[in-house]
């Protein structure tokens, strides 16, 4: 009979590596779009019809992104296979959803390249490229939910799950909404729609002369609300004694994310600030998704008592 803990540890390593590569792929995608390298390879899936494209920096930015995407796709397939081999129920549902999203994401990635030029300034372009990144966030979330289940099943991730009172579930919902808003702000060209901080066009409440100003301002308001929410939850966690360390980490990530967001405006979209803002945002989303999984799906200590598929 297979050792459950050893199997769980091996699957945890595979899932952890897949999470890491998915995260790096998302950050790399932000770098590619921010440097204007998204159309450096005008064809798909090859680049200039070859796997060894011309030696030009922007081309290799985009080609490296594609290669990283290929490695990540293989890891996603391997993760799905091993999870289906040893688990039933929720992990299979999550990995099936993840695999479906992967297919859609790959097709959207190709579509982005093939139609980018004629749709450069249209709503359709914004919808396609934003959907591509939103799908990537959903893949990351499914991976982290599955990883948390596997770690709980082998008895190595149960601390604080019974008494977190649903706080992480609330924070996760708020953060994910903010991430989607951030993606829309970024790819609709609304990043500098409010060119000053803390005001917006010199006003506390802007006139919303166009949708970009409204979108940017809503993104700022929700950032403030999330900051207040996480600070309040940390205070409650300290007073109630329910594992304040995890909430303190969350607040720290929120503060870093807000700081980089402010610096993007102050520096007028200085590239490192854009990358740090995206990287911190994806890290924050991943952390709260991982912490919220037991609250969302009501697993924890009990999941360790379930039997995995190989024993059935």
Protein backbone atom coordinates (compact mmCIF):
# COMPACT_ATOMS: atom_id res chain seq x y z
CA UNK A 1 0.00 0.00 0.00
CA UNK A 2 1.23 3.46 -0.83
CA UNK A 3 2.27 5.77 1.97
CA UNK A 4 -0.35 8.55 2.00
CA UNK A 5 1.96 11.14 3.52
CA UNK A 6 4.71 10.40 1.00
CA UNK A 7 2.24 10.60 -1.89
CA UNK A 8 0.78 13.82 -0.50
CA UNK A 9 4.25 15.31 -0.12
CA UNK A 10 5.15 14.45 -3.72
CA UNK A 11 1.92 15.89 -5.10
CA UNK A 12 2.41 18.96 -2.92
CA UNK A 13 5.84 19.51 -4.49
CA UNK A 14 4.41 19.18 -8.02
CA UNK A 15 1.57 21.57 -7.23
CA UNK A 16 3.93 24.00 -5.50
CA UNK A 17 6.23 24.10 -8.54
CA UNK A 18 3.21 24.67 -10.79
CA UNK A 19 2.01 27.53 -8.60
CA UNK A 20 5.46 29.13 -8.77
CA UNK A 21 5.71 28.90 -12.56
CA UNK A 22 2.14 30.16 -12.99
CA UNK A 23 2.95 33.16 -10.80
CA UNK A 24 6.18 33.88 -12.71
CA UNK A 25 4.30 33.59 -16.00
CA UNK A 26 1.76 36.19 -14.85
CA UNK A 27 4.51 38.58 -13.75
CA UNK A 28 6.39 38.00 -17.01
CA UNK A 29 3.18 38.73 -18.92
CA UNK A 30 2.93 42.09 -17.18
CA UNK A 31 6.54 42.83 -18.12
CA UNK A 32 5.92 41.92 -21.77
CA UNK A 33 2.83 44.10 -22.12
CA UNK A 34 4.41 46.97 -20.18
CA UNK A 35 7.45 47.02 -22.47
CA UNK A 36 5.29 46.91 -25.60
CA UNK A 37 6.68 43.51 -26.58
CA UNK A 38 3.34 41.75 -26.93
CA UNK A 39 3.41 41.99 -30.75
CA UNK A 40 7.14 41.35 -31.13
CA UNK A 41 6.29 37.90 -32.49
CA UNK A 42 3.67 38.57 -35.18
CA UNK A 43 2.67 34.90 -35.58
CA UNK A 44 1.57 32.13 -33.22
CA UNK A 45 2.49 29.62 -31.86
CA UNK A 46 5.92 30.06 -33.50
CA UNK A 47 7.83 33.35 -33.67
CA UNK A 48 8.71 34.48 -37.20
CA UNK A 49 7.90 30.92 -38.23
CA UNK A 50 10.70 29.41 -36.12
CA UNK A 51 11.69 28.36 -32.62
CA UNK A 52 14.87 30.48 -32.94
CA UNK A 53 13.59 33.99 -33.77
CA UNK A 54 15.82 37.01 -34.63
CA UNK A 55 18.11 38.30 -31.90
CA UNK A 56 16.15 41.38 -30.89
CA UNK A 57 15.40 42.25 -27.26
CA UNK A 58 11.64 42.78 -27.56
CA UNK A 59 11.28 39.59 -29.60
CA UNK A 60 13.06 37.55 -26.97
CA UNK A 61 10.98 39.10 -24.19
CA UNK A 62 7.85 37.79 -25.92
CA UNK A 63 9.44 34.48 -26.94
CA UNK A 64 10.69 33.87 -23.38
CA UNK A 65 7.15 34.51 -22.15
CA UNK A 66 5.85 31.90 -24.57
CA UNK A 67 8.50 29.37 -23.54
CA UNK A 68 7.66 29.95 -19.87
CA UNK A 69 4.02 29.46 -20.79
CA UNK A 70 4.86 26.15 -22.43
CA UNK A 71 6.68 24.90 -19.33
CA UNK A 72 3.81 26.04 -17.12
CA UNK A 73 1.28 24.27 -19.34
CA UNK A 74 3.19 21.00 -19.03
CA UNK A 75 3.29 21.39 -15.25
CA UNK A 76 -0.46 22.07 -15.20
CA UNK A 77 -1.06 18.86 -17.16
CA UNK A 78 1.19 16.87 -14.82
CA UNK A 79 -0.54 18.36 -11.77
CA UNK A 80 -3.94 17.41 -13.14
CA UNK A 81 -2.78 13.86 -13.86
CA UNK A 82 -1.32 13.20 -10.41
CA UNK A 83 -4.28 14.75 -8.60
CA UNK A 84 -6.73 12.61 -10.60
CA UNK A 85 -4.55 9.55 -9.87
CA UNK A 86 -4.69 9.91 -6.09
CA UNK A 87 -7.70 12.06 -5.19
CA UNK A 88 -11.42 12.25 -5.83
CA UNK A 89 -14.06 14.88 -5.20
CA UNK A 90 -13.06 18.53 -4.87
CA UNK A 91 -9.45 18.21 -6.15
CA UNK A 92 -10.69 16.62 -9.36
CA UNK A 93 -13.28 19.35 -9.84
CA UNK A 94 -10.68 22.08 -9.29
CA UNK A 95 -8.07 20.56 -11.61
CA UNK A 96 -10.70 19.91 -14.32
CA UNK A 97 -11.73 23.55 -14.13
CA UNK A 98 -8.06 24.56 -14.20
CA UNK A 99 -7.41 22.49 -17.32
CA UNK A 100 -10.46 23.97 -19.08
CA UNK A 101 -9.26 27.47 -18.21
CA UNK A 102 -5.80 26.59 -19.52
CA UNK A 103 -7.24 25.68 -22.94
CA UNK A 104 -9.27 28.90 -23.07
CA UNK A 105 -6.26 30.93 -21.93
CA UNK A 106 -3.98 29.46 -24.61
CA UNK A 107 -6.56 30.17 -27.31
CA UNK A 108 -7.04 33.73 -26.06
CA UNK A 109 -3.27 34.21 -26.02
CA UNK A 110 -3.06 33.20 -29.66
CA UNK A 111 -6.09 35.34 -30.52
CA UNK A 112 -4.45 38.34 -28.83
CA UNK A 113 -1.47 38.06 -31.17
CA UNK A 114 -3.46 37.34 -34.32
CA UNK A 115 -5.93 40.24 -33.96
CA UNK A 116 -3.88 42.74 -31.95
CA UNK A 117 -3.13 45.16 -34.78
CA UNK A 118 -6.67 45.74 -36.12
CA UNK A 119 -8.17 45.86 -32.64
CA UNK A 120 -5.44 47.91 -30.99
CA UNK A 121 -7.69 50.67 -29.67
CA UNK A 122 -11.06 48.96 -29.48
CA UNK A 123 -13.18 47.63 -26.66
CA UNK A 124 -12.74 44.14 -28.12
CA UNK A 125 -8.96 44.40 -27.65
CA UNK A 126 -9.41 45.42 -24.00
CA UNK A 127 -11.84 42.55 -23.43
CA UNK A 128 -9.55 39.94 -25.02
CA UNK A 129 -6.34 40.89 -23.26
CA UNK A 130 -8.04 41.48 -19.89
CA UNK A 131 -9.84 38.12 -20.13
CA UNK A 132 -6.51 36.43 -20.82
CA UNK A 133 -5.04 37.68 -17.53
CA UNK A 134 -8.25 37.13 -15.54
CA UNK A 135 -8.21 33.49 -16.68
CA UNK A 136 -4.61 33.24 -15.47
CA UNK A 137 -5.69 34.46 -12.01
CA UNK A 138 -8.44 31.81 -11.93
CA UNK A 139 -5.91 29.09 -12.82
CA UNK A 140 -3.66 30.29 -9.99
CA UNK A 141 -6.58 30.24 -7.55
CA UNK A 142 -7.62 26.71 -8.55
CA UNK A 143 -4.04 25.54 -8.09
CA UNK A 144 -3.79 27.07 -4.63
CA UNK A 145 -7.14 25.64 -3.53
CA UNK A 146 -5.97 22.20 -4.67
CA UNK A 147 -2.59 22.59 -2.97
CA UNK A 148 -4.25 23.57 0.30
CA UNK A 149 -6.53 20.53 0.12
CA UNK A 150 -3.57 18.19 -0.49
CA UNK A 151 -1.55 19.69 2.37
CA UNK A 152 -4.53 19.44 4.71
CA UNK A 153 -5.09 15.84 3.64
CA UNK A 154 -1.58 14.86 4.67
CA UNK A 155 -1.96 16.68 7.98
CA UNK A 156 0.56 19.49 7.45
CA UNK A 157 -1.70 22.52 7.06
CA UNK A 158 -4.41 22.81 9.68
CA UNK A 159 -3.29 25.59 11.99
CA UNK A 160 -5.92 28.21 12.68
CA UNK A 161 -8.52 26.86 10.23
CA UNK A 162 -11.15 26.12 12.84
CA UNK A 163 -11.28 29.60 14.36
CA UNK A 164 -10.59 32.15 11.62
CA UNK A 165 -14.31 33.05 11.59
CA UNK A 166 -14.53 33.42 7.82
CA UNK A 167 -12.35 36.54 7.74
CA UNK A 168 -10.13 35.26 4.93
CA UNK A 169 -13.16 34.37 2.85
CA UNK A 170 -14.23 38.02 3.07
CA UNK A 171 -10.74 39.35 2.34
CA UNK A 172 -10.32 36.99 -0.61
CA UNK A 173 -13.54 38.21 -2.23
CA UNK A 174 -12.52 41.85 -1.79
CA UNK A 175 -8.97 41.31 -3.06
CA UNK A 176 -10.10 39.39 -6.12
CA UNK A 177 -12.54 42.14 -7.04
CA UNK A 178 -9.69 44.63 -6.69
CA UNK A 179 -7.40 42.52 -8.88
CA UNK A 180 -10.02 42.42 -11.64
CA UNK A 181 -10.46 46.19 -11.37
CA UNK A 182 -6.69 46.62 -11.54
CA UNK A 183 -6.50 44.52 -14.71
CA UNK A 184 -9.25 46.59 -16.32
CA UNK A 185 -7.52 49.83 -15.28
CA UNK A 186 -4.23 48.63 -16.71
CA UNK A 187 -5.47 47.44 -20.07
CA UNK A 188 -8.08 50.15 -20.67
CA UNK A 189 -5.33 52.78 -20.45
CA UNK A 190 -6.79 54.28 -17.26
CA UNK A 191 -3.63 53.98 -15.15
CA UNK A 192 -3.01 57.74 -15.20
CA UNK A 193 -6.63 58.83 -15.60
CA UNK A 194 -6.15 60.40 -12.16
CA UNK A 195 -2.67 61.89 -12.60
CA UNK A 196 -2.17 63.04 -9.00
CA UNK A 197 -2.28 61.52 -5.49
CA UNK A 198 -4.24 61.59 -3.19
CA UNK A 199 -6.57 63.80 -5.25
CA UNK A 200 -7.89 62.95 -8.70
CA UNK A 201 -7.36 65.75 -11.18
CA UNK A 202 -7.05 68.16 -8.26
CA UNK A 203 -10.46 67.13 -6.86
CA UNK A 204 -11.52 64.96 -3.94
CA UNK A 205 -14.46 63.67 -5.98
CA UNK A 206 -13.75 63.89 -9.73
CA UNK A 207 -16.39 64.78 -12.32
CA UNK A 208 -16.15 61.38 -14.07
CA UNK A 209 -15.74 63.03 -17.47
CA UNK A 210 -15.08 59.62 -19.04
CA UNK A 211 -15.17 55.95 -18.08
CA UNK A 212 -11.40 55.79 -17.49
CA UNK A 213 -11.56 58.38 -14.70
CA UNK A 214 -14.49 56.53 -13.12
CA UNK A 215 -12.69 53.18 -13.35
CA UNK A 216 -9.46 54.54 -11.90
CA UNK A 217 -11.27 56.31 -9.05
CA UNK A 218 -13.29 53.19 -8.14
CA UNK A 219 -10.04 51.23 -8.07
CA UNK A 220 -8.59 53.74 -5.59
CA UNK A 221 -11.68 53.67 -3.37
CA UNK A 222 -11.71 49.88 -3.20
CA UNK A 223 -7.99 49.92 -2.34
CA UNK A 224 -8.73 52.13 0.66
CA UNK A 225 -11.64 49.91 1.70
CA UNK A 226 -9.45 46.79 1.53
CA UNK A 227 -6.79 48.52 3.63
CA UNK A 228 -9.41 49.40 6.27
CA UNK A 229 -10.85 45.89 6.11
CA UNK A 230 -7.53 44.10 6.61
CA UNK A 231 -6.50 46.46 9.44
CA UNK A 232 -9.86 45.89 11.15
CA UNK A 233 -9.59 42.12 10.77
CA UNK A 234 -6.05 42.16 12.18
CA UNK A 235 -7.30 44.12 15.19
CA UNK A 236 -10.12 41.59 15.73
CA UNK A 237 -7.69 38.69 15.33
CA UNK A 238 -5.38 40.14 17.98
CA UNK A 239 -8.21 40.79 20.44
CA UNK A 240 -9.82 37.38 19.79
CA UNK A 241 -6.54 35.43 19.69
CA UNK A 242 -7.20 33.64 16.38
CA UNK A 243 -3.84 33.57 14.62
CA UNK A 244 -2.97 37.22 14.04
CA UNK A 245 0.26 36.41 12.17
CA UNK A 246 -1.57 35.45 8.96
CA UNK A 247 -3.64 38.63 9.05
CA UNK A 248 -0.52 40.71 9.73
CA UNK A 249 1.12 39.22 6.62
CA UNK A 250 -2.01 40.07 4.64
CA UNK A 251 -1.98 43.67 5.84
CA UNK A 252 1.72 43.96 5.00
CA UNK A 253 1.07 42.79 1.44
CA UNK A 254 -1.87 45.21 1.11
CA UNK A 255 0.34 48.10 2.25
CA UNK A 256 3.08 47.13 -0.24
CA UNK A 257 0.52 46.85 -3.02
CA UNK A 258 -0.94 50.27 -2.20
CA UNK A 259 2.54 51.84 -2.00
CA UNK A 260 3.54 50.57 -5.45
CA UNK A 261 0.19 51.72 -6.84
CA UNK A 262 0.82 55.24 -5.56
CA UNK A 263 4.37 55.18 -6.92
CA UNK A 264 3.09 54.24 -10.38
CA UNK A 265 1.15 57.52 -10.47
CA UNK A 266 3.89 59.59 -8.82
CA UNK A 267 6.58 58.28 -11.20
CA UNK A 268 4.25 58.42 -14.23
CA UNK A 269 4.34 54.67 -14.85
CA UNK A 270 8.00 53.93 -14.12
CA UNK A 271 8.42 50.33 -15.34
CA UNK A 272 9.83 48.76 -12.13
CA UNK A 273 6.88 50.19 -10.16
CA UNK A 274 4.43 48.60 -12.61
CA UNK A 275 6.13 45.20 -12.28
CA UNK A 276 6.35 45.39 -8.48
CA UNK A 277 2.71 46.45 -8.28
CA UNK A 278 1.60 43.48 -10.38
CA UNK A 279 3.89 41.01 -8.62
CA UNK A 280 2.71 42.10 -5.17
CA UNK A 281 -0.92 42.03 -6.29
CA UNK A 282 -0.68 38.47 -7.60
CA UNK A 283 1.20 37.43 -4.46
CA UNK A 284 -1.50 38.97 -2.25
CA UNK A 285 -4.24 37.25 -4.25
CA UNK A 286 -2.46 33.91 -4.00
CA UNK A 287 -1.88 34.23 -0.27
CA UNK A 288 -5.47 35.07 0.63
CA UNK A 289 -6.78 32.41 -1.78
CA UNK A 290 -4.61 29.78 -0.05
CA UNK A 291 -5.71 30.93 3.41
CA UNK A 292 -9.40 31.12 2.47
CA UNK A 293 -9.66 27.63 0.95
CA UNK A 294 -10.67 25.80 4.17
CA UNK A 295 -13.30 28.46 4.87
CA UNK A 296 -14.74 28.35 1.35
CA UNK A 297 -14.88 24.57 1.05
CA UNK A 298 -15.16 23.67 4.75
CA UNK A 299 -12.20 21.31 4.84
CA UNK A 300 -9.39 21.24 7.35
CA UNK A 301 -8.74 18.65 10.01
CA UNK A 302 -11.59 16.49 8.74
CA UNK A 303 -10.08 16.20 5.28
CA UNK A 304 -7.18 14.31 6.73
CA UNK A 305 -9.59 11.51 7.56
CA UNK A 306 -10.77 11.10 3.96
CA UNK A 307 -9.47 8.25 1.91
CA UNK A 308 -7.63 9.02 -1.30
CA UNK A 309 -8.49 7.20 -4.49
CA UNK A 310 -5.78 4.60 -4.37
CA UNK A 311 -7.28 3.00 -1.25
CA UNK A 312 -10.81 2.73 -2.68
